[in-house]
Every structure is written in structure tokens, then in C-alpha cells.
Amino acid sequence: MRIDIWSDIACPWCYLGLTRLDAALARFEHGESVQVELHSFQLDPSLPDSFAGTEAEYLAQSKGLDVEAVHRMTGQVAAAAATAGLTLDFDRLVVANSRRAHRLLQEAKAVSADVAWRLELALFRAHFTDGGDIGDPDTLVELASAAGLDGARARAALDSPERDAAVAKDIDEAARLGIRGVPFFVLAGKYGVSGAQPPETFDQALKQVWDELQTV
């Protein structure tokens, strides 16, 4: 069974959603027979490589909210993430455009799905927990190397036109499918699951789609 996932490194709900799916796959009796492919998506492609302000200031500016409302919103997200064992530190978060990180993920995908998955989770952790700069080349190469991608290959991918075209292709495919928000999961090429669903929803979806495929 194949699962295609559209997500953005700058999306906290994507971090939670992929973590919940990861746990569901670990519980699923046929988990080793599930192939996962990651796809790029950008919530805000217009964001500069770096933003001279806090995450709260960026969100207040981009969403037209006051800073206090943003703090309440991020507090709710952090509380939801904590239920999956994740720590989100929005005060430390470095606001940066995720495009370079997505190019790197495309390179990791060319190596293996496992390397791409490890790198994606490492990027989320760096961005939302550790205060890492996902727009910084040295940070990205370090994360990629730890995930199993050759350092020189990783650095070459950061501004690669070929990898950028792969990012654009994923984003275009999302638009064709009508995907406007992430995370978005497509099971077996035809069943869509949107958002960071509760763990039992992923458990049920995996079993239901697997069982249906066995009867075809």
C-alpha cells in the first residue's frame, strides 16, 4: 500500500500529523508493506529567506491578528503536539522560507524513502523544537548528513534548479488534486485524509484501505 503525503516544514500540524502517522504505521500489522512518499508544499512561498522577527510577529502580520491572539493559537498547537510527545517552542523558532529545505528533501528522496523520512522529521524537530534555522545552508547540510545523505550532495541540492523543479512539480500536483492545506495524506492513490487526525483515525484508515485492497 502506498501513502503520498504533502506537507511543509514550516507547518506545526504537519509535524504532529506525520508523527501520529509514524506511530500508527509502527502499530499496524502490515506496516512493513506500506510505502510512504513525501511531497513538497509551501504555505507561504512569498516568505523571505529569513524574517527579522518572531514567529508570533510573523503570524500576526501574515494573518492579520494581534500578537496575543497568535500566542493563544500557538499555545493550542503546542498543547496538541504534547499529546504525541512533541515539544514545540514557538519563542525559539527561527522564521525562514522552507524552499531550500524542500529542495534538500527532494535530494533525500532520490536516495531512499527512509532517508527522506528521517530528514523530514529532523527538519521539523530543528525548526519547532531546537530553534534551528531551516534556511541556513550549514544547518541543513548538518541535518542531512545525520539523516544519511552525503554532505557534498546535500549542499549541492540546496540551490539546485533540478531539485527546485521537483518541488514545483509537487506543488503543482497538489493544486491539481485540490489540496489547499497540509498535512494531506493520500492512501492507495484515491483516499484522502486531511489534517493532523487523531491516532485512531490513522489506525482505522490504514486497516480499512488495506482490507479493501486485499479484496480487489
Protein backbone atom coordinates (compact mmCIF):
# COMPACT_ATOMS: atom_id res chain seq x y z
CA MET A 1 0.00 0.00 0.00
CA ARG A 2 1.26 3.46 -0.88
CA ILE A 3 0.76 6.67 1.07
CA ASP A 4 1.56 10.04 -0.52
CA ILE A 5 1.98 12.93 1.91
CA TRP A 6 2.01 16.64 1.16
CA SER A 7 3.49 18.75 3.96
CA ASP A 8 5.51 21.87 4.73
CA ILE A 9 8.44 22.04 7.15
CA ALA A 10 7.03 25.36 8.41
CA CYS A 11 3.71 23.72 9.40
CA PRO A 12 3.39 22.55 13.02
CA TRP A 13 0.29 20.49 12.24
CA CYS A 14 2.36 18.64 9.64
CA TYR A 15 4.90 17.73 12.32
CA LEU A 16 2.11 16.40 14.51
CA GLY A 17 0.34 14.63 11.64
CA LEU A 18 3.44 12.84 10.39
CA THR A 19 4.38 11.86 13.95
CA ARG A 20 0.93 10.36 14.50
CA LEU A 21 1.07 8.51 11.19
CA ASP A 22 4.54 7.21 12.05
CA ALA A 23 3.19 5.81 15.32
CA ALA A 24 0.19 4.31 13.53
CA LEU A 25 2.45 2.58 10.99
CA ALA A 26 4.54 1.16 13.84
CA ARG A 27 1.36 -0.35 15.32
CA PHE A 28 -0.06 -1.53 12.00
CA GLU A 29 0.49 -5.26 11.46
CA HIS A 30 1.27 -4.69 7.78
CA GLY A 31 3.36 -1.58 8.35
CA GLU A 32 6.43 -3.02 6.63
CA SER A 33 4.39 -3.34 3.42
CA VAL A 34 3.44 0.33 3.34
CA GLN A 35 5.46 2.65 1.07
CA VAL A 36 5.44 6.33 2.00
CA GLU A 37 6.37 9.11 -0.41
CA LEU A 38 6.81 12.67 0.80
CA HIS A 39 5.78 15.63 -1.35
CA SER A 40 6.62 19.31 -1.04
CA PHE A 41 4.14 22.07 -0.23
CA GLN A 42 4.63 25.66 0.86
CA LEU A 43 2.12 27.50 2.99
CA ASP A 44 3.84 30.84 2.32
CA PRO A 45 6.18 30.76 -0.69
CA SER A 46 6.49 34.56 -0.52
CA LEU A 47 8.31 34.46 2.83
CA PRO A 48 11.89 35.79 2.53
CA ASP A 49 14.84 33.51 3.25
CA SER A 50 14.86 34.96 6.74
CA PHE A 51 12.43 37.11 8.71
CA ALA A 52 13.68 39.69 11.18
CA GLY A 53 11.08 38.98 13.83
CA THR A 54 9.47 36.32 15.98
CA GLU A 55 7.05 33.65 14.85
CA ALA A 56 4.27 35.48 16.70
CA GLU A 57 5.08 38.71 14.88
CA TYR A 58 5.20 36.93 11.52
CA LEU A 59 1.87 35.16 12.08
CA ALA A 60 0.23 38.33 13.36
CA GLN A 61 1.41 40.18 10.26
CA SER A 62 0.51 37.47 7.75
CA LYS A 63 -2.86 36.54 9.26
CA GLY A 64 -3.98 39.98 10.36
CA LEU A 65 -4.19 39.01 14.05
CA ASP A 66 -2.94 40.68 17.19
CA VAL A 67 0.07 39.10 18.88
CA GLU A 68 -1.91 37.94 21.91
CA ALA A 69 -4.32 36.03 19.66
CA VAL A 70 -1.35 34.40 17.97
CA HIS A 71 0.10 33.35 21.34
CA ARG A 72 -3.22 31.71 22.23
CA MET A 73 -3.27 29.93 18.88
CA THR A 74 0.29 28.63 19.13
CA GLY A 75 -0.35 27.57 22.70
CA GLN A 76 -3.20 25.38 21.50
CA VAL A 77 -1.00 23.86 18.81
CA ALA A 78 1.77 23.18 21.33
CA ALA A 79 -0.71 21.50 23.68
CA ALA A 80 -1.98 19.26 20.88
CA ALA A 81 1.58 18.34 19.90
CA ALA A 82 2.41 17.46 23.51
CA THR A 83 -0.15 14.65 23.37
CA ALA A 84 2.14 12.98 20.81
CA GLY A 85 5.27 13.61 22.90
CA LEU A 86 6.41 16.63 20.87
CA THR A 87 7.74 19.86 22.34
CA LEU A 88 7.07 22.93 20.20
CA ASP A 89 8.96 26.07 21.25
CA PHE A 90 7.49 28.96 19.26
CA ASP A 91 9.55 31.51 21.21
CA ARG A 92 12.81 29.99 19.90
CA LEU A 93 11.54 29.37 16.39
CA VAL A 94 13.55 30.99 13.58
CA VAL A 95 11.18 32.16 10.84
CA ALA A 96 12.55 31.18 7.43
CA ASN A 97 11.38 30.23 3.96
CA SER A 98 11.17 26.43 3.65
CA ARG A 99 12.01 26.22 -0.08
CA ARG A 100 15.66 25.34 0.43
CA ALA A 101 14.72 22.61 2.90
CA HIS A 102 12.27 21.19 0.37
CA ARG A 103 14.99 21.02 -2.30
CA LEU A 104 17.08 19.08 0.21
CA LEU A 105 14.20 16.69 0.86
CA GLN A 106 13.88 16.08 -2.86
CA GLU A 107 17.53 15.06 -2.92
CA ALA A 108 16.98 12.77 0.05
CA LYS A 109 14.04 11.16 -1.77
CA ALA A 110 16.39 10.33 -4.64
CA VAL A 111 18.49 8.32 -2.17
CA SER A 112 15.69 6.46 -0.38
CA ALA A 113 12.31 6.94 1.26
CA ASP A 114 13.87 6.11 4.64
CA VAL A 115 16.48 8.86 4.37
CA ALA A 116 13.80 11.34 3.29
CA TRP A 117 11.57 10.38 6.22
CA ARG A 118 14.39 10.71 8.76
CA LEU A 119 15.37 14.07 7.30
CA GLU A 120 11.80 15.38 7.30
CA LEU A 121 11.33 14.58 10.99
CA ALA A 122 14.76 16.04 11.77
CA LEU A 123 13.85 19.26 9.97
CA PHE A 124 10.60 19.51 11.92
CA ARG A 125 12.43 18.95 15.21
CA ALA A 126 15.11 21.50 14.35
CA HIS A 127 12.54 24.11 13.32
CA PHE A 128 9.92 23.71 16.01
CA THR A 129 11.88 22.40 18.99
CA ASP A 130 15.56 23.26 18.75
CA GLY A 131 15.47 26.78 17.32
CA GLY A 132 17.37 25.76 14.18
CA ASP A 133 17.36 27.88 11.05
CA ILE A 134 15.89 25.82 8.19
CA GLY A 135 17.03 28.48 5.74
CA ASP A 136 20.69 28.21 6.76
CA PRO A 137 22.81 26.03 4.43
CA ASP A 138 25.17 24.79 7.15
CA THR A 139 22.28 23.78 9.40
CA LEU A 140 20.57 21.96 6.55
CA VAL A 141 23.70 20.07 5.49
CA GLU A 142 24.33 19.02 9.09
CA LEU A 143 20.80 17.66 9.44
CA ALA A 144 21.01 15.91 6.08
CA SER A 145 24.32 14.26 6.95
CA ALA A 146 22.89 12.97 10.23
CA ALA A 147 19.93 11.55 8.32
CA GLY A 148 22.21 9.61 5.96
CA LEU A 149 22.67 11.96 2.99
CA ASP A 150 26.19 12.71 1.74
CA GLY A 151 27.20 16.21 2.84
CA ALA A 152 28.55 17.38 -0.52
CA ARG A 153 25.49 16.05 -2.28
CA ALA A 154 23.26 17.78 0.24
CA ARG A 155 24.97 21.15 -0.21
CA ALA A 156 24.73 20.92 -4.00
CA ALA A 157 20.99 20.26 -3.72
CA LEU A 158 20.20 23.39 -1.70
CA ASP A 159 20.05 25.68 -4.71
CA SER A 160 19.74 23.05 -7.44
CA PRO A 161 17.41 24.00 -10.33
CA GLU A 162 16.65 20.31 -10.82
CA ARG A 163 15.55 19.83 -7.21
CA ASP A 164 13.63 23.10 -7.28
CA ALA A 165 11.73 21.84 -10.32
CA ALA A 166 10.81 18.71 -8.34
CA VAL A 167 9.48 20.93 -5.54
CA ALA A 168 7.42 22.92 -8.04
CA LYS A 169 6.08 19.69 -9.57
CA ASP A 170 4.83 18.51 -6.17
CA ILE A 171 3.15 21.86 -5.51
CA ASP A 172 1.51 21.81 -8.94
CA GLU A 173 0.27 18.27 -8.32
CA ALA A 174 -1.25 19.38 -5.01
CA ALA A 175 -3.12 22.15 -6.82
CA ARG A 176 -4.36 19.68 -9.44
CA LEU A 177 -5.70 17.44 -6.68
CA GLY A 178 -7.39 20.37 -4.94
CA ILE A 179 -5.09 20.27 -1.91
CA ARG A 180 -5.16 23.68 -0.26
CA GLY A 181 -3.94 22.82 3.22
CA VAL A 182 -1.45 20.43 4.77
CA PRO A 183 -0.76 17.86 6.00
CA PHE A 184 -2.67 15.90 3.38
CA PHE A 185 -2.41 12.13 3.06
CA VAL A 186 -3.47 10.10 0.01
CA LEU A 187 -3.81 6.37 0.66
CA ALA A 188 -3.60 3.95 -2.27
CA GLY A 189 -3.90 6.82 -4.72
CA LYS A 190 -7.57 7.52 -4.00
CA TYR A 191 -8.39 8.00 -0.31
CA GLY A 192 -7.62 11.44 1.10
CA VAL A 193 -7.08 12.24 4.78
CA SER A 194 -6.66 15.90 5.65
CA GLY A 195 -5.01 17.33 8.73
CA ALA A 196 -3.31 16.01 11.86
CA GLN A 197 -6.03 13.48 12.59
CA PRO A 198 -6.38 11.69 15.95
CA PRO A 199 -4.31 8.50 16.22
CA GLU A 200 -7.39 6.25 15.98
CA THR A 201 -8.32 7.85 12.65
CA PHE A 202 -4.99 6.82 11.14
CA ASP A 203 -5.34 3.34 12.64
CA GLN A 204 -8.79 2.94 11.12
CA ALA A 205 -7.80 4.35 7.72
CA LEU A 206 -4.80 2.04 7.40
CA LYS A 207 -6.83 -1.04 8.23
CA GLN A 208 -9.80 -0.08 6.07
CA VAL A 209 -7.77 0.71 2.96
CA TRP A 210 -5.52 -2.33 3.41
CA ASP A 211 -8.50 -4.65 3.75
CA GLU A 212 -10.17 -3.13 0.70
CA LEU A 213 -7.03 -3.60 -1.41
CA GLN A 214 -6.92 -7.28 -0.48
CA THR A 215 -10.38 -7.83 -1.94
CA VAL A 216 -9.66 -6.25 -5.33
